[in-house]
């Protein structure tokens, strides 16, 4: 346990802070935007989280490629805990009475106070999809043993893991939120199973499209990290403590 803690601390010193910050911000923002349904038809429904969720998966793909799937999962746990902390702070602010002012903060409190079952659903969905994305990304990468650092290897592993991970994220969240909890706590409002599945598929395809657009940035970041030996001290410590090198 002492070695694992030492490695984890070294990992968070090694991962460049902009990636950690962007990842945590994207998870927090995704949780807030999920409160709003953007599109709802008989066969399709999309919530606001779709606009930023691609960034979370791109960050995970970059970290998985350079530091390995276990490292990316640790980062996912950190982002999840950060999101829970922010939600707690938002909730505390929302329940504090605003005395001596004329402004009506009902809408503010409603949005930032959050909904407990949306937070629960998004947390479960996020962690499940993170595990799927990280280890599937790693598994697909093993198919490119001859040129693991090439463009094709990075793009294919990112596209496959993102699509399946995003579909799992969308489906788990929509099933829990709009089929299990919403009918009980939102006066019967709900999505149908078809809406949940089509939402998950369409959402995954849209997020995959965004991944296709922005993945060249992720590939460039990985090349930059490799060229400048980002995380070199972490890899050396990992080999010293465990006798193994990071599997990427």
C-alpha atoms as a PDB file:
ATOM      1  CA  UNK A   1       0.000   0.000   0.000  1.00  0.00           C
ATOM      2  CA  UNK A   2       2.870   2.355   0.787  1.00  0.00           C
ATOM      3  CA  UNK A   3       4.383   1.735  -2.640  1.00  0.00           C
ATOM      4  CA  UNK A   4       1.022   2.269  -4.351  1.00  0.00           C
ATOM      5  CA  UNK A   5       0.508   5.551  -2.514  1.00  0.00           C
ATOM      6  CA  UNK A   6       4.020   6.670  -3.410  1.00  0.00           C
ATOM      7  CA  UNK A   7       3.414   5.817  -7.071  1.00  0.00           C
ATOM      8  CA  UNK A   8       0.053   7.579  -7.101  1.00  0.00           C
ATOM      9  CA  UNK A   9       1.553  10.773  -5.673  1.00  0.00           C
ATOM     10  CA  UNK A  10       4.353  10.567  -8.232  1.00  0.00           C
ATOM     11  CA  UNK A  11       1.794  10.065 -10.999  1.00  0.00           C
ATOM     12  CA  UNK A  12      -0.100  13.245 -10.145  1.00  0.00           C
ATOM     13  CA  UNK A  13       3.168  15.147 -10.109  1.00  0.00           C
ATOM     14  CA  UNK A  14       3.988  13.706 -13.530  1.00  0.00           C
ATOM     15  CA  UNK A  15       0.735  14.288 -15.434  1.00  0.00           C
ATOM     16  CA  UNK A  16       0.846  17.848 -16.836  1.00  0.00           C
ATOM     17  CA  UNK A  17      -1.506  20.107 -14.873  1.00  0.00           C
ATOM     18  CA  UNK A  18      -3.425  21.489 -17.908  1.00  0.00           C
ATOM     19  CA  UNK A  19      -4.675  17.988 -18.714  1.00  0.00           C
ATOM     20  CA  UNK A  20      -5.702  17.336 -15.112  1.00  0.00           C
ATOM     21  CA  UNK A  21      -7.470  20.710 -14.952  1.00  0.00           C
ATOM     22  CA  UNK A  22      -9.284  20.278 -18.278  1.00  0.00           C
ATOM     23  CA  UNK A  23     -10.354  16.775 -17.340  1.00  0.00           C
ATOM     24  CA  UNK A  24     -11.751  17.796 -13.950  1.00  0.00           C
ATOM     25  CA  UNK A  25     -13.502  20.845 -15.425  1.00  0.00           C
ATOM     26  CA  UNK A  26     -15.078  18.777 -18.194  1.00  0.00           C
ATOM     27  CA  UNK A  27     -16.456  16.259 -15.691  1.00  0.00           C
ATOM     28  CA  UNK A  28     -17.887  19.024 -13.473  1.00  0.00           C
ATOM     29  CA  UNK A  29     -19.392  20.863 -16.449  1.00  0.00           C
ATOM     30  CA  UNK A  30     -20.829  17.663 -17.895  1.00  0.00           C
ATOM     31  CA  UNK A  31     -22.615  17.001 -14.600  1.00  0.00           C
ATOM     32  CA  UNK A  32     -24.185  20.482 -14.577  1.00  0.00           C
ATOM     33  CA  UNK A  33     -25.242  20.428 -18.231  1.00  0.00           C
ATOM     34  CA  UNK A  34     -26.869  17.016 -17.836  1.00  0.00           C
ATOM     35  CA  UNK A  35     -29.680  18.763 -15.947  1.00  0.00           C
ATOM     36  CA  UNK A  36     -31.047  20.158 -19.204  1.00  0.00           C
ATOM     37  CA  UNK A  37     -32.657  18.121 -21.990  1.00  0.00           C
ATOM     38  CA  UNK A  38     -31.735  19.761 -25.303  1.00  0.00           C
ATOM     39  CA  UNK A  39     -33.728  17.555 -27.662  1.00  0.00           C
ATOM     40  CA  UNK A  40     -36.612  15.170 -26.995  1.00  0.00           C
ATOM     41  CA  UNK A  41     -38.616  13.472 -29.711  1.00  0.00           C
ATOM     42  CA  UNK A  42     -40.372  10.125 -29.871  1.00  0.00           C
ATOM     43  CA  UNK A  43     -37.144   8.332 -30.742  1.00  0.00           C
ATOM     44  CA  UNK A  44     -34.407  10.695 -29.626  1.00  0.00           C
ATOM     45  CA  UNK A  45     -33.368  12.623 -26.539  1.00  0.00           C
ATOM     46  CA  UNK A  46     -30.145  14.501 -25.827  1.00  0.00           C
ATOM     47  CA  UNK A  47     -29.010  16.321 -22.684  1.00  0.00           C
ATOM     48  CA  UNK A  48     -26.544  19.192 -22.438  1.00  0.00           C
ATOM     49  CA  UNK A  49     -23.680  17.013 -21.249  1.00  0.00           C
ATOM     50  CA  UNK A  50     -23.089  15.860 -24.814  1.00  0.00           C
ATOM     51  CA  UNK A  51     -21.436  19.202 -25.625  1.00  0.00           C
ATOM     52  CA  UNK A  52     -18.442  18.601 -23.357  1.00  0.00           C
ATOM     53  CA  UNK A  53     -18.205  14.859 -22.674  1.00  0.00           C
ATOM     54  CA  UNK A  54     -15.878  14.349 -25.656  1.00  0.00           C
ATOM     55  CA  UNK A  55     -13.203  16.359 -23.829  1.00  0.00           C
ATOM     56  CA  UNK A  56     -13.257  13.971 -20.871  1.00  0.00           C
ATOM     57  CA  UNK A  57     -12.684  10.995 -23.154  1.00  0.00           C
ATOM     58  CA  UNK A  58      -9.940  12.733 -25.126  1.00  0.00           C
ATOM     59  CA  UNK A  59      -8.069  13.457 -21.876  1.00  0.00           C
ATOM     60  CA  UNK A  60      -8.456   9.836 -20.800  1.00  0.00           C
ATOM     61  CA  UNK A  61      -7.191   8.602 -24.168  1.00  0.00           C
ATOM     62  CA  UNK A  62      -4.079  10.780 -23.987  1.00  0.00           C
ATOM     63  CA  UNK A  63      -3.273   9.738 -20.415  1.00  0.00           C
ATOM     64  CA  UNK A  64      -3.949   6.071 -21.188  1.00  0.00           C
ATOM     65  CA  UNK A  65      -1.610   6.171 -24.176  1.00  0.00           C
ATOM     66  CA  UNK A  66       1.263   7.757 -22.284  1.00  0.00           C
ATOM     67  CA  UNK A  67       0.852   6.575 -18.687  1.00  0.00           C
ATOM     68  CA  UNK A  68      -1.279   3.440 -19.071  1.00  0.00           C
ATOM     69  CA  UNK A  69      -4.897   2.487 -18.257  1.00  0.00           C
ATOM     70  CA  UNK A  70      -4.401   2.242 -14.492  1.00  0.00           C
ATOM     71  CA  UNK A  71      -3.026   5.783 -14.391  1.00  0.00           C
ATOM     72  CA  UNK A  72      -5.968   7.078 -16.410  1.00  0.00           C
ATOM     73  CA  UNK A  73      -8.375   5.324 -14.056  1.00  0.00           C
ATOM     74  CA  UNK A  74      -6.711   6.977 -11.057  1.00  0.00           C
ATOM     75  CA  UNK A  75      -7.153  10.322 -12.786  1.00  0.00           C
ATOM     76  CA  UNK A  76     -10.818   9.456 -13.378  1.00  0.00           C
ATOM     77  CA  UNK A  77     -11.303   8.754  -9.669  1.00  0.00           C
ATOM     78  CA  UNK A  78      -9.687  12.109  -8.865  1.00  0.00           C
ATOM     79  CA  UNK A  79     -12.032  13.900 -11.295  1.00  0.00           C
ATOM     80  CA  UNK A  80     -15.038  12.105  -9.821  1.00  0.00           C
ATOM     81  CA  UNK A  81     -14.076  13.104  -6.264  1.00  0.00           C
ATOM     82  CA  UNK A  82     -13.455  16.687  -7.400  1.00  0.00           C
ATOM     83  CA  UNK A  83     -16.904  16.763  -8.968  1.00  0.00           C
ATOM     84  CA  UNK A  84     -18.505  15.463  -5.775  1.00  0.00           C
ATOM     85  CA  UNK A  85     -16.684  18.134  -3.746  1.00  0.00           C
ATOM     86  CA  UNK A  86     -17.859  20.894  -6.095  1.00  0.00           C
ATOM     87  CA  UNK A  87     -21.415  19.572  -5.960  1.00  0.00           C
ATOM     88  CA  UNK A  88     -21.277  19.605  -2.159  1.00  0.00           C
ATOM     89  CA  UNK A  89     -20.105  23.226  -2.158  1.00  0.00           C
ATOM     90  CA  UNK A  90     -22.828  24.163  -4.658  1.00  0.00           C
ATOM     91  CA  UNK A  91     -25.433  22.468  -2.477  1.00  0.00           C
ATOM     92  CA  UNK A  92     -24.276  24.246   0.688  1.00  0.00           C
ATOM     93  CA  UNK A  93     -24.431  27.613  -1.089  1.00  0.00           C
ATOM     94  CA  UNK A  94     -27.899  26.827  -2.460  1.00  0.00           C
ATOM     95  CA  UNK A  95     -29.395  26.091   0.976  1.00  0.00           C
ATOM     96  CA  UNK A  96     -27.905  29.135   2.745  1.00  0.00           C
ATOM     97  CA  UNK A  97     -30.718  31.716   3.118  1.00  0.00           C
ATOM     98  CA  UNK A  98     -30.086  35.039   1.364  1.00  0.00           C
ATOM     99  CA  UNK A  99     -31.290  37.601   3.931  1.00  0.00           C
ATOM    100  CA  UNK A 100     -31.559  41.292   3.344  1.00  0.00           C
ATOM    101  CA  UNK A 101     -31.675  41.200  -0.445  1.00  0.00           C
ATOM    102  CA  UNK A 102     -34.535  41.559  -2.881  1.00  0.00           C
ATOM    103  CA  UNK A 103     -33.203  39.138  -5.507  1.00  0.00           C
ATOM    104  CA  UNK A 104     -34.965  35.821  -5.974  1.00  0.00           C
ATOM    105  CA  UNK A 105     -32.413  32.989  -5.996  1.00  0.00           C
ATOM    106  CA  UNK A 106     -34.906  30.185  -6.574  1.00  0.00           C
ATOM    107  CA  UNK A 107     -33.621  29.387 -10.049  1.00  0.00           C
ATOM    108  CA  UNK A 108     -30.002  29.689  -8.942  1.00  0.00           C
ATOM    109  CA  UNK A 109     -30.573  27.316  -6.038  1.00  0.00           C
ATOM    110  CA  UNK A 110     -32.445  24.890  -8.275  1.00  0.00           C
ATOM    111  CA  UNK A 111     -29.599  24.678 -10.792  1.00  0.00           C
ATOM    112  CA  UNK A 112     -26.576  24.745  -8.508  1.00  0.00           C
ATOM    113  CA  UNK A 113     -28.224  22.869  -5.665  1.00  0.00           C
ATOM    114  CA  UNK A 114     -28.385  19.939  -8.055  1.00  0.00           C
ATOM    115  CA  UNK A 115     -30.497  16.837  -8.050  1.00  0.00           C
ATOM    116  CA  UNK A 116     -29.175  13.951  -6.021  1.00  0.00           C
ATOM    117  CA  UNK A 117     -30.222  11.211  -8.429  1.00  0.00           C
ATOM    118  CA  UNK A 118     -28.659  12.994 -11.412  1.00  0.00           C
ATOM    119  CA  UNK A 119     -25.404  13.207  -9.481  1.00  0.00           C
ATOM    120  CA  UNK A 120     -25.653   9.529  -8.496  1.00  0.00           C
ATOM    121  CA  UNK A 121     -26.483   8.435 -12.041  1.00  0.00           C
ATOM    122  CA  UNK A 122     -23.728  10.513 -13.629  1.00  0.00           C
ATOM    123  CA  UNK A 123     -21.145   9.303 -11.109  1.00  0.00           C
ATOM    124  CA  UNK A 124     -21.960   5.629 -11.707  1.00  0.00           C
ATOM    125  CA  UNK A 125     -22.107   6.114 -15.477  1.00  0.00           C
ATOM    126  CA  UNK A 126     -18.856   8.060 -15.574  1.00  0.00           C
ATOM    127  CA  UNK A 127     -16.829   5.546 -13.585  1.00  0.00           C
ATOM    128  CA  UNK A 128     -18.181   2.573 -15.558  1.00  0.00           C
ATOM    129  CA  UNK A 129     -17.451   4.277 -18.878  1.00  0.00           C
ATOM    130  CA  UNK A 130     -13.994   5.383 -17.698  1.00  0.00           C
ATOM    131  CA  UNK A 131     -13.030   1.794 -16.892  1.00  0.00           C
ATOM    132  CA  UNK A 132     -14.392   0.600 -20.246  1.00  0.00           C
ATOM    133  CA  UNK A 133     -12.666   3.385 -22.188  1.00  0.00           C
ATOM    134  CA  UNK A 134      -9.274   3.109 -20.492  1.00  0.00           C
ATOM    135  CA  UNK A 135      -8.809  -0.638 -20.662  1.00  0.00           C
ATOM    136  CA  UNK A 136     -10.421  -0.995 -24.102  1.00  0.00           C
ATOM    137  CA  UNK A 137      -8.106   1.738 -25.385  1.00  0.00           C
ATOM    138  CA  UNK A 138      -5.169  -0.235 -24.007  1.00  0.00           C
ATOM    139  CA  UNK A 139      -6.432  -3.536 -25.469  1.00  0.00           C
ATOM    140  CA  UNK A 140      -6.936  -2.090 -28.957  1.00  0.00           C
ATOM    141  CA  UNK A 141      -3.473  -0.549 -28.798  1.00  0.00           C
ATOM    142  CA  UNK A 142      -1.961  -4.036 -28.362  1.00  0.00           C
ATOM    143  CA  UNK A 143      -3.155  -4.857 -31.880  1.00  0.00           C
ATOM    144  CA  UNK A 144      -0.602  -2.368 -33.253  1.00  0.00           C
ATOM    145  CA  UNK A 145       2.510  -4.060 -31.848  1.00  0.00           C
ATOM    146  CA  UNK A 146       4.542  -3.273 -34.989  1.00  0.00           C
ATOM    147  CA  UNK A 147       3.976   0.487 -34.748  1.00  0.00           C
ATOM    148  CA  UNK A 148       2.348   1.340 -31.392  1.00  0.00           C
ATOM    149  CA  UNK A 149       3.365   5.010 -31.612  1.00  0.00           C
ATOM    150  CA  UNK A 150       1.927   5.622 -35.085  1.00  0.00           C
ATOM    151  CA  UNK A 151      -1.061   7.740 -36.042  1.00  0.00           C
ATOM    152  CA  UNK A 152      -3.179   4.726 -36.969  1.00  0.00           C
ATOM    153  CA  UNK A 153      -2.622   3.118 -33.565  1.00  0.00           C
ATOM    154  CA  UNK A 154      -3.583   6.268 -31.651  1.00  0.00           C
ATOM    155  CA  UNK A 155      -6.609   7.108 -33.777  1.00  0.00           C
ATOM    156  CA  UNK A 156      -8.082   3.599 -33.925  1.00  0.00           C
ATOM    157  CA  UNK A 157      -7.671   2.935 -30.203  1.00  0.00           C
ATOM    158  CA  UNK A 158      -9.178   6.364 -29.430  1.00  0.00           C
ATOM    159  CA  UNK A 159     -12.124   6.003 -31.806  1.00  0.00           C
ATOM    160  CA  UNK A 160     -13.090   2.491 -30.714  1.00  0.00           C
ATOM    161  CA  UNK A 161     -12.755   3.127 -26.984  1.00  0.00           C
ATOM    162  CA  UNK A 162     -14.492   6.508 -27.200  1.00  0.00           C
ATOM    163  CA  UNK A 163     -17.506   5.225 -29.102  1.00  0.00           C
ATOM    164  CA  UNK A 164     -18.078   2.209 -26.843  1.00  0.00           C
ATOM    165  CA  UNK A 165     -17.225   4.121 -23.670  1.00  0.00           C
ATOM    166  CA  UNK A 166     -19.504   7.006 -24.601  1.00  0.00           C
ATOM    167  CA  UNK A 167     -22.346   4.657 -25.481  1.00  0.00           C
ATOM    168  CA  UNK A 168     -21.997   2.943 -22.095  1.00  0.00           C
ATOM    169  CA  UNK A 169     -21.853   6.313 -20.311  1.00  0.00           C
ATOM    170  CA  UNK A 170     -24.942   7.652 -22.088  1.00  0.00           C
ATOM    171  CA  UNK A 171     -26.941   4.452 -21.696  1.00  0.00           C
ATOM    172  CA  UNK A 172     -26.209   3.912 -17.996  1.00  0.00           C
ATOM    173  CA  UNK A 173     -26.934   7.560 -17.197  1.00  0.00           C
ATOM    174  CA  UNK A 174     -30.173   7.744 -19.197  1.00  0.00           C
ATOM    175  CA  UNK A 175     -31.507   4.433 -17.858  1.00  0.00           C
ATOM    176  CA  UNK A 176     -30.842   5.402 -14.248  1.00  0.00           C
ATOM    177  CA  UNK A 177     -31.937   9.035 -14.509  1.00  0.00           C
ATOM    178  CA  UNK A 178     -34.839   9.033 -16.944  1.00  0.00           C
ATOM    179  CA  UNK A 179     -36.292   5.553 -16.502  1.00  0.00           C
ATOM    180  CA  UNK A 180     -35.592   4.763 -12.850  1.00  0.00           C
ATOM    181  CA  UNK A 181     -35.535   8.032 -10.884  1.00  0.00           C
ATOM    182  CA  UNK A 182     -37.277  10.692 -13.006  1.00  0.00           C
ATOM    183  CA  UNK A 183     -40.719   8.994 -13.116  1.00  0.00           C
ATOM    184  CA  UNK A 184     -40.678   8.967  -9.312  1.00  0.00           C
ATOM    185  CA  UNK A 185     -39.219  12.380  -8.496  1.00  0.00           C
ATOM    186  CA  UNK A 186     -40.120  14.464 -11.582  1.00  0.00           C
ATOM    187  CA  UNK A 187     -43.882  13.925 -11.615  1.00  0.00           C
ATOM    188  CA  UNK A 188     -43.863  11.158 -14.175  1.00  0.00           C
ATOM    189  CA  UNK A 189     -41.417  12.769 -16.623  1.00  0.00           C
ATOM    190  CA  UNK A 190     -39.403  10.025 -18.292  1.00  0.00           C
ATOM    191  CA  UNK A 191     -37.663   8.793 -21.421  1.00  0.00           C
ATOM    192  CA  UNK A 192     -38.700   5.575 -23.106  1.00  0.00           C
ATOM    193  CA  UNK A 193     -36.272   2.686 -23.534  1.00  0.00           C
ATOM    194  CA  UNK A 194     -36.084   3.478 -27.250  1.00  0.00           C
ATOM    195  CA  UNK A 195     -35.206   7.091 -26.424  1.00  0.00           C
ATOM    196  CA  UNK A 196     -32.496   5.934 -24.028  1.00  0.00           C
ATOM    197  CA  UNK A 197     -30.933   3.612 -26.601  1.00  0.00           C
ATOM    198  CA  UNK A 198     -31.183   6.035 -29.519  1.00  0.00           C
ATOM    199  CA  UNK A 199     -29.910   8.859 -27.310  1.00  0.00           C
ATOM    200  CA  UNK A 200     -26.935   6.716 -26.358  1.00  0.00           C
ATOM    201  CA  UNK A 201     -26.183   5.735 -29.953  1.00  0.00           C
ATOM    202  CA  UNK A 202     -26.619   9.198 -31.440  1.00  0.00           C
ATOM    203  CA  UNK A 203     -24.737  10.750 -28.541  1.00  0.00           C
ATOM    204  CA  UNK A 204     -21.870   8.289 -28.972  1.00  0.00           C
ATOM    205  CA  UNK A 205     -21.734   9.028 -32.714  1.00  0.00           C
ATOM    206  CA  UNK A 206     -21.716  12.789 -32.159  1.00  0.00           C
ATOM    207  CA  UNK A 207     -19.049  12.481 -29.495  1.00  0.00           C
ATOM    208  CA  UNK A 208     -17.057  10.192 -31.806  1.00  0.00           C
ATOM    209  CA  UNK A 209     -17.280  12.868 -34.487  1.00  0.00           C
ATOM    210  CA  UNK A 210     -15.867  15.397 -32.030  1.00  0.00           C
ATOM    211  CA  UNK A 211     -13.141  12.898 -31.144  1.00  0.00           C
ATOM    212  CA  UNK A 212     -12.264  12.602 -34.839  1.00  0.00           C
ATOM    213  CA  UNK A 213     -12.019  16.387 -35.071  1.00  0.00           C
ATOM    214  CA  UNK A 214      -9.922  16.886 -31.942  1.00  0.00           C
ATOM    215  CA  UNK A 215      -7.914  13.633 -31.736  1.00  0.00           C
ATOM    216  CA  UNK A 216      -5.055  15.092 -33.822  1.00  0.00           C
ATOM    217  CA  UNK A 217      -4.499  17.439 -30.877  1.00  0.00           C
ATOM    218  CA  UNK A 218      -4.376  14.442 -28.547  1.00  0.00           C
ATOM    219  CA  UNK A 219      -1.902  12.689 -30.842  1.00  0.00           C
ATOM    220  CA  UNK A 220       0.293  15.807 -30.963  1.00  0.00           C
ATOM    221  CA  UNK A 221       0.209  16.021 -27.158  1.00  0.00           C
ATOM    222  CA  UNK A 222       1.305  12.374 -26.852  1.00  0.00           C
ATOM    223  CA  UNK A 223       4.186  12.956 -29.285  1.00  0.00           C
ATOM    224  CA  UNK A 224       5.228  16.056 -27.352  1.00  0.00           C
ATOM    225  CA  UNK A 225       5.163  14.185 -24.054  1.00  0.00           C
ATOM    226  CA  UNK A 226       7.181  11.298 -25.496  1.00  0.00           C
ATOM    227  CA  UNK A 227       9.722  13.621 -27.119  1.00  0.00           C
ATOM    228  CA  UNK A 228      10.255  15.582 -23.894  1.00  0.00           C
ATOM    229  CA  UNK A 229      10.208  12.525 -21.603  1.00  0.00           C
ATOM    230  CA  UNK A 230       7.175  13.731 -19.657  1.00  0.00           C
ATOM    231  CA  UNK A 231       6.727  11.486 -16.620  1.00  0.00           C
ATOM    232  CA  UNK A 232      10.255  10.101 -16.854  1.00  0.00           C
ATOM    233  CA  UNK A 233      10.801  10.210 -13.099  1.00  0.00           C
ATOM    234  CA  UNK A 234       7.461   8.477 -12.530  1.00  0.00           C
ATOM    235  CA  UNK A 235       8.336   5.638 -14.922  1.00  0.00           C
ATOM    236  CA  UNK A 236      11.741   5.236 -13.279  1.00  0.00           C
ATOM    237  CA  UNK A 237      10.167   5.103  -9.814  1.00  0.00           C
ATOM    238  CA  UNK A 238       7.556   2.607 -10.984  1.00  0.00           C
ATOM    239  CA  UNK A 239      10.262   0.315 -12.347  1.00  0.00           C
ATOM    240  CA  UNK A 240      12.292   0.678  -9.145  1.00  0.00           C
ATOM    241  CA  UNK A 241       9.381  -0.119  -6.823  1.00  0.00           C
ATOM    242  CA  UNK A 242       7.625  -2.808  -8.854  1.00  0.00           C
ATOM    243  CA  UNK A 243      10.253  -4.103 -11.223  1.00  0.00           C
ATOM    244  CA  UNK A 244       7.809  -3.510 -14.077  1.00  0.00           C
ATOM    245  CA  UNK A 245       7.429  -0.864 -16.735  1.00  0.00           C
ATOM    246  CA  UNK A 246       4.172   0.887 -17.539  1.00  0.00           C
ATOM    247  CA  UNK A 247       2.014  -1.016 -20.022  1.00  0.00           C
ATOM    248  CA  UNK A 248       0.584   1.414 -22.556  1.00  0.00           C
END
